[in-house]
Amino acid sequence: MLDLTERTLTGRIPAPYGTEEIAVSPDGRRAYAAGMALHHRTADGSAPPPPTLLVVDTATHEVVAREPLAAPGCPVHVAADGRVLVGLAPTGAGVRPSTGG
């Protein structure tokens, strides 16, 4: 988390394999982040955990929900009506981006 007034890092929210983009709800109460995890492997060489959309309470800086995604997601956008839109990057064998569709 960043304090934009003080320009300082005030905390971190665990996000497995990082995230590409973050979107905030129109009322500022929730932030949403989806991890890509396309090119990552676990220590034992197996595939990464399933892609997830993190839902963060901006007042407490806590992850309040983890929504499963059908594929790694990026970008994330919150529409004016509050709907959360996530672009998905379908993958094929070997966790590589697939073509077509």
Protein backbone atom coordinates (compact mmCIF):
# COMPACT_ATOMS: atom_id res chain seq x y z
CA MET A 1 0.00 0.00 0.00
CA LEU A 2 1.21 3.50 -0.77
CA ASP A 3 0.49 6.70 1.06
CA LEU A 4 0.29 9.07 -1.89
CA THR A 5 0.43 12.17 0.31
CA GLU A 6 3.61 11.12 2.11
CA ARG A 7 4.92 9.14 -0.87
CA THR A 8 5.83 6.19 1.33
CA LEU A 9 5.20 2.46 1.31
CA THR A 10 2.88 1.72 4.24
CA GLY A 11 2.37 -2.01 3.83
CA ARG A 12 2.20 -4.99 1.51
CA ILE A 13 -0.62 -7.29 0.54
CA PRO A 14 0.49 -10.83 -0.35
CA ALA A 15 -0.26 -11.57 -4.00
CA PRO A 16 1.10 -14.91 -5.21
CA TYR A 17 3.25 -14.30 -8.30
CA GLY A 18 2.49 -10.56 -8.22
CA THR A 19 -0.11 -8.62 -10.15
CA GLU A 20 -0.08 -6.59 -13.32
CA GLU A 21 -2.83 -4.05 -12.63
CA ILE A 22 -5.07 -2.87 -9.81
CA ALA A 23 -8.53 -1.33 -10.11
CA VAL A 24 -10.54 0.45 -7.41
CA SER A 25 -14.33 0.51 -6.96
CA PRO A 26 -16.11 3.82 -7.65
CA ASP A 27 -16.70 4.32 -3.90
CA GLY A 28 -13.04 3.57 -3.07
CA ARG A 29 -13.92 0.79 -0.63
CA ARG A 30 -12.48 -2.13 -2.59
CA ALA A 31 -9.41 -2.71 -4.72
CA TYR A 32 -9.12 -5.61 -7.15
CA ALA A 33 -5.98 -7.29 -8.46
CA ALA A 34 -5.56 -10.34 -10.66
CA GLY A 35 -2.28 -12.20 -10.96
CA MET A 36 -0.91 -13.47 -14.25
CA ALA A 37 1.29 -16.40 -13.08
CA LEU A 38 1.81 -17.42 -16.71
CA HIS A 39 5.55 -18.00 -16.51
CA HIS A 40 5.94 -19.22 -12.93
CA ARG A 41 6.53 -22.65 -11.48
CA THR A 42 6.55 -23.78 -7.88
CA ALA A 43 9.79 -24.90 -6.21
CA ASP A 44 9.10 -28.51 -7.26
CA GLY A 45 8.52 -27.48 -10.91
CA SER A 46 4.76 -27.99 -10.89
CA ALA A 47 2.26 -25.50 -12.30
CA PRO A 48 1.38 -22.43 -10.22
CA PRO A 49 -1.81 -22.30 -8.15
CA PRO A 50 -5.04 -21.45 -10.01
CA PRO A 51 -5.43 -17.80 -11.03
CA THR A 52 -7.35 -15.67 -8.56
CA LEU A 53 -8.85 -12.19 -8.35
CA LEU A 54 -7.92 -10.62 -5.00
CA VAL A 55 -10.53 -8.36 -3.39
CA VAL A 56 -8.96 -5.92 -0.92
CA ASP A 57 -10.74 -3.77 1.68
CA THR A 58 -9.01 -0.40 1.26
CA ALA A 59 -9.77 0.70 4.83
CA THR A 60 -8.15 -2.31 6.51
CA HIS A 61 -5.73 -3.30 3.70
CA GLU A 62 -6.92 -6.89 4.12
CA VAL A 63 -7.77 -9.41 1.40
CA VAL A 64 -11.49 -10.01 2.01
CA ALA A 65 -12.11 -12.42 -0.88
CA ARG A 66 -10.29 -14.49 -3.45
CA GLU A 67 -12.38 -15.14 -6.55
CA PRO A 68 -11.22 -17.98 -8.80
CA LEU A 69 -10.60 -17.13 -12.46
CA ALA A 70 -10.89 -19.46 -15.44
CA ALA A 71 -7.48 -18.27 -16.69
CA PRO A 72 -4.77 -15.80 -15.63
CA GLY A 73 -6.23 -12.29 -15.64
CA CYS A 74 -5.09 -8.88 -16.84
CA PRO A 75 -6.28 -6.13 -17.14
CA VAL A 76 -8.72 -5.44 -14.32
CA HIS A 77 -11.31 -2.66 -14.56
CA VAL A 78 -14.22 -1.57 -12.37
CA ALA A 79 -17.15 -0.15 -14.35
CA ALA A 80 -19.11 2.88 -13.13
CA ASP A 81 -21.89 0.54 -12.00
CA GLY A 82 -19.46 -1.45 -9.82
CA ARG A 83 -19.06 -4.49 -12.07
CA VAL A 84 -15.52 -5.88 -12.02
CA LEU A 85 -14.20 -6.75 -15.47
CA VAL A 86 -11.14 -8.98 -15.89
CA GLY A 87 -9.46 -9.79 -19.18
CA LEU A 88 -8.41 -13.44 -19.26
CA ALA A 89 -5.35 -14.93 -20.95
CA PRO A 90 -6.33 -18.53 -21.77
CA THR A 91 -3.43 -20.97 -21.56
CA GLY A 92 -2.76 -24.28 -23.17
CA ALA A 93 -0.51 -27.17 -22.25
CA GLY A 94 2.63 -26.09 -20.46
CA VAL A 95 0.93 -22.94 -19.18
CA ARG A 96 1.65 -20.98 -22.34
CA PRO A 97 -0.78 -18.47 -23.85
CA SER A 98 -3.03 -20.26 -26.33
CA THR A 99 -4.07 -18.89 -29.69
CA GLY A 100 -7.46 -18.58 -31.30
CA GLY A 101 -10.73 -18.31 -29.52
